[in-house]
Every structure is written in C-alpha cells, then in structure tokens.
C-alpha cells in the first residue's frame, strides 16, 4: 500500500483582479500548504472501490462528483491500458469540507500522484498539471504543494524558493460555505493585485507584509457566515501576529511567532470554543513538495464534538 498526505492549501492573501468572459474569476494569490491534511491510500484490488473514513467522512460526496475517483478515471481515459489495473482507494478525511483550504483539490492532486506511481506511468510535471487543471483550477497548485504565487484562474504558478515555513493555527467554525455563493457576493471584481513581495526571513516579517494585502472574499463570506468575524477575533486574542480567512472560507488562519506559540494558542481556542475545528500546524518549506508529503508525520487536529 502507498499513501500520501493531501495538505491543506492556505491562501495567505487573495486578490480578485478581474473576470473572464466565461465567468472564471482572475486571481492574484499567495498560497502555501500545511504539514497536515487528508490522507489518501492506494493498493491493488480485485475491482475498483473507494472508501472514506475520518471525522468529516460523512460530508464527502461519493460518486461522479468526487474528485478522487474523477482523477482515477481521467488517468484511465488518458493512458488506457497503462492505468487499467483495479485499485482500492481509501481517503481519510481530516479536513472540513467546503472550507476554503482546498480539500477536494488536494485530494485530487494526491490521487493523481499516487496512481501515477502505482501504475508506473511515465508523465512529466507539465502534462500532469494540465490533467489536474481539467479537474479544477486549484489542482495544479496542489500538485506542487509549495509556497507560490497563483495568478489567472489559478493555473499561472510561480514558486517562491525562499518563502519561510510559517507556524499557523487553522480554525473553522464548522459551517460549510459555498464558493460560488461567496464569489457572487463580491461588490467589485477589478481590485488591485498583490503588493510587491519582499524577502521574508521569518514569520513576523511575513505577517507584517500581510497587513498590506487582503482576501477580497472575506467580506462577502462574513456576510454569509458572520461567525468568521468571531474566529478572526479569537485568533487575534490568542496572540496571532496576523489573522485572515483562507480562500472562500470559512476556515481562517493565524500566523504565530513559533510552533510552540501556535500550539499554545490552539489549546486556548479548543478550550474556549469546543464546537470549532482547530489545528496547530506549520507550512511546508519550499524544498518540500507533494512528492515528499508521504513522509510527513500524520497528526490529528482537535475535532469539534458532533
């Protein structure tokens, strides 16, 4: 059996800069990935099957809309007999669904990489990213799983080789949020792009830069889920150097000065808000991409009681 972590994708900043004629929004985003996420496993079987476990398993769609099985089927469609052997796929769903941290896209990226390895398919990174884009705009960046700038609809990627690893606390009020609903609430779609990037030696300097950046989806998301403001306030009270919503929400993140301070803050938030999802984590360094995520220790978050 082979396995891989599908890490949480964190939009540290997300500026909406336009909209294409086909309806896709143009973005300018600073993206990084956590050391924790869902876990995907693959092994040969007598027939294809797909099993989901984990705290958020009940919220995962099974069938044609699931991105893991769509990734499997796309590889079969593309590579024919080389991807023909039946596989047993098991997804341990540790991240909230519809939460702005790229869970489904990360799962799809992990499925592509694991199945390419399992079936021993010879495919280069460019071709794999093109396949990923057919599954969703976020899948190519999740295939990289490195700090990067994402532009266009998310397909124009620039890796950031010197971006620091950041101690984070991820918090979700356990309320799913529809991405289309959030985008439809935007009051303008022609916002300014990200400010120029500096060289960040540490988390404090990165948090300082974030003061001049934004998440343009935060305001419309807060109108739909006002509890997001509570989460951001709680992260600030727990000592975050910067706090912001990730992606289309409702997950928020706080940047902390050290992993120890992040763990302390997570403990405080867990005690004060037992109904929230809380995860102390750290983002991966630029030299680690998804090909290395299978080696990262698999820990568990605090999961709110049902």
Protein backbone atom coordinates (compact mmCIF):
# COMPACT_ATOMS: atom_id res chain seq x y z
CA UNK A 1 0.00 0.00 0.00
CA UNK A 2 1.18 3.51 -0.83
CA UNK A 3 -0.04 6.65 0.91
CA UNK A 4 0.26 10.42 0.69
CA UNK A 5 -0.84 13.41 2.72
CA UNK A 6 -3.16 15.79 0.82
CA UNK A 7 -2.17 19.01 2.62
CA UNK A 8 -4.42 21.92 3.44
CA UNK A 9 -3.99 24.79 0.97
CA UNK A 10 -3.82 28.17 2.70
CA UNK A 11 -4.41 31.38 0.76
CA UNK A 12 -2.39 33.85 2.79
CA UNK A 13 -3.70 36.61 0.53
CA UNK A 14 -6.24 36.51 -2.30
CA UNK A 15 -6.97 39.49 -4.56
CA UNK A 16 -9.73 39.26 -7.16
CA UNK A 17 -8.45 41.26 -10.13
CA UNK A 18 -10.98 40.58 -12.90
CA UNK A 19 -13.40 38.20 -14.51
CA UNK A 20 -13.15 36.37 -17.83
CA UNK A 21 -15.93 36.20 -20.36
CA UNK A 22 -16.54 32.55 -19.42
CA UNK A 23 -17.27 33.53 -15.81
CA UNK A 24 -13.98 32.43 -14.24
CA UNK A 25 -12.53 34.99 -11.87
CA UNK A 26 -8.96 36.23 -12.23
CA UNK A 27 -6.95 35.99 -9.04
CA UNK A 28 -3.65 37.12 -7.59
CA UNK A 29 -2.90 34.95 -4.58
CA UNK A 30 -0.08 34.00 -2.22
CA UNK A 31 -0.51 30.32 -1.42
CA UNK A 32 1.19 27.93 0.96
CA UNK A 33 0.50 24.42 2.23
CA UNK A 34 0.32 22.92 5.69
CA UNK A 35 2.08 19.84 7.04
CA UNK A 36 -1.29 18.29 7.86
CA UNK A 37 -4.26 17.30 5.78
CA UNK A 38 -6.26 14.40 4.47
CA UNK A 39 -4.61 11.01 3.95
CA UNK A 40 -5.03 9.02 0.72
CA UNK A 41 -4.01 5.37 0.33
CA UNK A 42 -3.94 3.15 -2.75
CA UNK A 43 -3.39 -0.56 -3.32
CA UNK A 44 -4.32 -3.08 -5.96
CA UNK A 45 -7.67 -4.84 -5.69
CA UNK A 46 -9.93 -7.29 -7.45
CA UNK A 47 -12.12 -4.39 -8.57
CA UNK A 48 -12.22 -0.63 -8.22
CA UNK A 49 -13.56 0.67 -4.93
CA UNK A 50 -13.40 3.85 -2.90
CA UNK A 51 -13.79 4.09 0.86
CA UNK A 52 -13.88 7.23 3.01
CA UNK A 53 -13.22 7.37 6.75
CA UNK A 54 -12.26 10.10 9.19
CA UNK A 55 -14.07 12.76 11.17
CA UNK A 56 -15.51 14.52 8.08
CA UNK A 57 -16.21 11.39 6.01
CA UNK A 58 -19.98 11.89 6.10
CA UNK A 59 -19.60 15.20 4.24
CA UNK A 60 -17.63 13.76 1.30
CA UNK A 61 -19.64 13.22 -1.91
CA UNK A 62 -19.38 9.69 -3.28
CA UNK A 63 -19.84 9.07 -6.99
CA UNK A 64 -19.27 11.07 -10.16
CA UNK A 65 -18.67 14.36 -8.35
CA UNK A 66 -15.86 13.04 -6.16
CA UNK A 67 -12.50 14.39 -7.31
CA UNK A 68 -10.52 11.32 -6.21
CA UNK A 69 -12.47 8.93 -8.40
CA UNK A 70 -12.58 11.52 -11.19
CA UNK A 71 -8.76 11.69 -11.06
CA UNK A 72 -8.60 7.89 -11.33
CA UNK A 73 -10.98 7.88 -14.29
CA UNK A 74 -9.14 10.74 -16.01
CA UNK A 75 -5.86 8.82 -15.85
CA UNK A 76 -7.60 5.77 -17.34
CA UNK A 77 -9.08 7.88 -20.11
CA UNK A 78 -5.68 9.44 -20.86
CA UNK A 79 -3.33 6.46 -20.55
CA UNK A 80 -5.52 3.50 -21.41
CA UNK A 81 -4.12 0.06 -20.56
CA UNK A 82 -1.25 1.55 -18.54
CA UNK A 83 -3.87 2.63 -15.98
CA UNK A 84 -6.08 -0.39 -16.30
CA UNK A 85 -5.48 -2.44 -13.14
CA UNK A 86 -8.24 -2.13 -10.50
CA UNK A 87 -7.38 -0.12 -7.38
CA UNK A 88 -8.66 0.20 -3.85
CA UNK A 89 -8.64 3.86 -2.76
CA UNK A 90 -9.06 4.92 0.85
CA UNK A 91 -9.45 8.58 1.86
CA UNK A 92 -9.13 9.58 5.50
CA UNK A 93 -10.98 12.90 5.57
CA UNK A 94 -9.41 15.01 8.31
CA UNK A 95 -10.15 18.50 6.94
CA UNK A 96 -13.56 20.19 6.88
CA UNK A 97 -15.41 20.08 3.56
CA UNK A 98 -16.28 23.29 1.67
CA UNK A 99 -13.96 25.22 3.96
CA UNK A 100 -11.61 27.29 1.77
CA UNK A 101 -8.48 25.17 2.24
CA UNK A 102 -8.58 23.20 -1.00
CA UNK A 103 -9.50 19.83 0.47
CA UNK A 104 -11.08 18.31 -2.64
CA UNK A 105 -8.40 19.73 -4.95
CA UNK A 106 -5.63 18.47 -2.67
CA UNK A 107 -7.25 15.03 -2.58
CA UNK A 108 -7.40 15.02 -6.39
CA UNK A 109 -3.73 16.02 -6.66
CA UNK A 110 -2.74 13.27 -4.23
CA UNK A 111 -4.78 10.78 -6.25
CA UNK A 112 -3.04 11.78 -9.48
CA UNK A 113 0.42 11.43 -7.95
CA UNK A 114 -0.30 8.18 -6.10
CA UNK A 115 -1.93 6.48 -9.07
CA UNK A 116 0.81 7.59 -11.48
CA UNK A 117 3.27 5.98 -9.08
CA UNK A 118 1.12 2.88 -8.51
CA UNK A 119 0.58 2.26 -12.21
CA UNK A 120 4.16 3.31 -13.06
CA UNK A 121 3.02 5.82 -15.67
CA UNK A 122 5.74 7.95 -17.22
CA UNK A 123 4.35 11.51 -17.30
CA UNK A 124 6.15 14.82 -16.82
CA UNK A 125 5.12 17.61 -14.45
CA UNK A 126 3.73 19.86 -17.19
CA UNK A 127 1.45 17.16 -18.56
CA UNK A 128 0.33 16.17 -15.07
CA UNK A 129 -0.54 19.80 -14.25
CA UNK A 130 -2.55 20.02 -17.48
CA UNK A 131 -4.51 16.96 -16.42
CA UNK A 132 -5.02 18.46 -12.99
CA UNK A 133 -6.44 21.65 -14.47
CA UNK A 134 -9.17 19.56 -16.11
CA UNK A 135 -10.28 18.55 -12.61
CA UNK A 136 -10.24 22.06 -11.16
CA UNK A 137 -8.39 25.37 -11.17
CA UNK A 138 -6.74 24.65 -7.79
CA UNK A 139 -5.44 21.17 -8.62
CA UNK A 140 -2.19 22.27 -10.39
CA UNK A 141 -1.09 24.31 -7.36
CA UNK A 142 -1.97 21.38 -5.08
CA UNK A 143 0.23 19.16 -7.26
CA UNK A 144 3.09 21.50 -6.40
CA UNK A 145 2.25 21.92 -2.71
CA UNK A 146 5.00 24.53 -2.36
CA UNK A 147 4.81 28.24 -1.50
CA UNK A 148 3.81 30.04 -4.68
CA UNK A 149 2.09 32.93 -6.36
CA UNK A 150 -1.02 31.88 -8.27
CA UNK A 151 -2.45 34.11 -10.98
CA UNK A 152 -5.01 33.87 -13.77
CA UNK A 153 -7.72 31.42 -12.70
CA UNK A 154 -5.08 29.72 -10.55
CA UNK A 155 -3.15 27.99 -13.32
CA UNK A 156 -0.28 30.51 -13.72
CA UNK A 157 2.08 29.48 -10.92
CA UNK A 158 5.35 30.97 -9.71
CA UNK A 159 7.16 29.05 -7.00
CA UNK A 160 8.75 31.02 -4.14
CA UNK A 161 12.03 29.25 -3.30
CA UNK A 162 12.86 31.38 -0.25
CA UNK A 163 9.49 31.68 1.48
CA UNK A 164 9.71 30.74 5.18
CA UNK A 165 7.79 27.97 6.91
CA UNK A 166 5.05 29.60 8.99
CA UNK A 167 3.60 28.35 12.29
CA UNK A 168 -0.17 28.51 11.85
CA UNK A 169 -3.39 27.75 13.63
CA UNK A 170 -6.29 26.88 11.32
CA UNK A 171 -9.79 27.43 12.70
CA UNK A 172 -13.16 26.70 11.16
CA UNK A 173 -16.50 27.39 12.92
CA UNK A 174 -17.78 24.10 11.45
CA UNK A 175 -20.01 25.86 8.95
CA UNK A 176 -19.63 24.90 5.25
CA UNK A 177 -19.54 27.74 2.77
CA UNK A 178 -20.33 27.60 -0.95
CA UNK A 179 -17.57 29.10 -3.11
CA UNK A 180 -19.99 30.27 -5.85
CA UNK A 181 -22.15 31.99 -3.22
CA UNK A 182 -19.14 33.85 -1.87
CA UNK A 183 -17.97 35.00 -5.31
CA UNK A 184 -21.50 36.12 -6.19
CA UNK A 185 -21.39 38.43 -3.18
CA UNK A 186 -18.38 40.39 -4.45
CA UNK A 187 -19.14 44.08 -4.81
CA UNK A 188 -16.28 44.61 -7.28
CA UNK A 189 -14.07 42.29 -9.31
CA UNK A 190 -11.37 44.66 -10.58
CA UNK A 191 -9.29 45.04 -7.44
CA UNK A 192 -5.57 45.85 -7.30
CA UNK A 193 -3.12 42.93 -7.43
CA UNK A 194 -0.91 41.82 -4.55
CA UNK A 195 1.69 44.28 -3.28
CA UNK A 196 5.29 43.52 -4.24
CA UNK A 197 6.75 40.60 -2.35
CA UNK A 198 9.69 41.11 -0.02
CA UNK A 199 12.18 38.55 1.20
CA UNK A 200 10.77 37.23 4.45
CA UNK A 201 13.34 35.87 6.92
CA UNK A 202 10.71 34.77 9.43
CA UNK A 203 7.02 34.57 10.30
CA UNK A 204 6.95 38.06 11.80
CA UNK A 205 8.11 39.70 8.56
CA UNK A 206 5.58 37.69 6.54
CA UNK A 207 2.82 38.74 8.94
CA UNK A 208 3.88 42.36 8.54
CA UNK A 209 3.59 42.10 4.75
CA UNK A 210 0.10 40.64 5.12
CA UNK A 211 -1.07 43.94 6.61
CA UNK A 212 -0.86 45.47 3.12
CA UNK A 213 -2.58 42.52 1.42
CA UNK A 214 -6.18 41.28 1.55
CA UNK A 215 -8.57 38.48 0.95
CA UNK A 216 -11.22 40.07 -1.24
CA UNK A 217 -13.57 37.17 -0.48
CA UNK A 218 -13.52 37.75 3.26
CA UNK A 219 -16.19 40.45 3.35
CA UNK A 220 -18.81 38.60 1.25
CA UNK A 221 -18.04 35.40 3.20
CA UNK A 222 -18.60 37.22 6.50
CA UNK A 223 -21.98 38.43 5.32
CA UNK A 224 -22.95 34.78 4.72
CA UNK A 225 -21.30 33.39 7.85
CA UNK A 226 -20.87 36.13 10.49
CA UNK A 227 -19.10 33.64 12.78
CA UNK A 228 -15.99 34.16 10.64
CA UNK A 229 -15.51 37.51 12.39
CA UNK A 230 -15.66 35.71 15.73
CA UNK A 231 -12.94 33.30 14.58
CA UNK A 232 -10.68 36.13 13.41
CA UNK A 233 -11.17 37.98 16.67
CA UNK A 234 -10.42 34.85 18.70
CA UNK A 235 -7.19 34.24 16.78
CA UNK A 236 -6.10 37.81 17.49
CA UNK A 237 -6.90 37.40 21.18
CA UNK A 238 -4.85 34.19 21.22
CA UNK A 239 -1.77 36.10 20.06
CA UNK A 240 -1.73 35.76 16.28
CA UNK A 241 0.67 38.14 14.52
CA UNK A 242 -1.83 38.21 11.64
CA UNK A 243 -5.23 36.58 11.13
CA UNK A 244 -7.20 36.21 7.92
CA UNK A 245 -9.69 33.98 6.15
CA UNK A 246 -8.30 31.45 3.67
CA UNK A 247 -9.77 31.13 0.18
CA UNK A 248 -13.55 31.36 0.11
CA UNK A 249 -13.82 30.38 3.78
CA UNK A 250 -14.95 29.72 6.33
CA UNK A 251 -11.53 28.47 7.56
CA UNK A 252 -9.30 31.20 8.97
CA UNK A 253 -5.63 31.12 9.89
CA UNK A 254 -3.45 32.86 12.41
CA UNK A 255 0.30 33.32 11.91
CA UNK A 256 2.33 32.82 15.10
CA UNK A 257 5.91 33.56 16.04
CA UNK A 258 6.85 29.94 16.78
CA UNK A 259 5.35 26.42 16.67
CA UNK A 260 5.19 26.49 20.48
CA UNK A 261 3.09 29.68 20.45
CA UNK A 262 0.83 28.17 17.79
CA UNK A 263 0.24 25.07 19.93
CA UNK A 264 -0.46 27.23 22.98
CA UNK A 265 -2.98 29.29 21.02
CA UNK A 266 -4.66 26.15 19.69
CA UNK A 267 -5.08 24.85 23.23
CA UNK A 268 -6.67 28.13 24.29
CA UNK A 269 -9.06 28.11 21.34
CA UNK A 270 -10.00 24.46 21.88
CA UNK A 271 -10.91 25.20 25.49
CA UNK A 272 -12.90 28.33 24.69
CA UNK A 273 -14.62 27.03 21.55
CA UNK A 274 -15.10 23.24 21.72
CA UNK A 275 -17.51 23.39 18.77
CA UNK A 276 -14.81 24.68 16.37
CA UNK A 277 -12.29 22.78 14.24
CA UNK A 278 -8.83 23.81 15.48
CA UNK A 279 -5.48 22.69 14.07
CA UNK A 280 -1.98 23.83 15.06
CA UNK A 281 0.31 23.20 12.12
CA UNK A 282 3.22 24.59 10.14
CA UNK A 283 3.52 25.32 6.44
CA UNK A 284 5.98 23.31 4.38
CA UNK A 285 9.28 24.78 3.34
CA UNK A 286 9.85 25.42 -0.39
CA UNK A 287 12.12 22.38 -0.75
CA UNK A 288 9.26 20.07 0.21
CA UNK A 289 6.52 19.42 -2.33
CA UNK A 290 3.75 16.88 -2.53
CA UNK A 291 6.12 14.13 -3.58
CA UNK A 292 7.58 14.35 -0.06
CA UNK A 293 4.30 14.68 1.82
CA UNK A 294 4.01 10.92 2.21
CA UNK A 295 6.94 11.15 4.64
CA UNK A 296 5.43 13.88 6.83
CA UNK A 297 4.15 12.76 10.18
CA UNK A 298 0.40 12.33 10.21
CA UNK A 299 -1.17 14.03 13.22
CA UNK A 300 -4.75 14.75 14.18
CA UNK A 301 -6.46 18.06 14.76
CA UNK A 302 -8.87 18.88 17.53
CA UNK A 303 -12.25 17.98 16.07
CA UNK A 304 -15.35 19.62 17.44
CA UNK A 305 -17.84 17.32 19.08
CA UNK A 306 -20.73 16.39 16.84
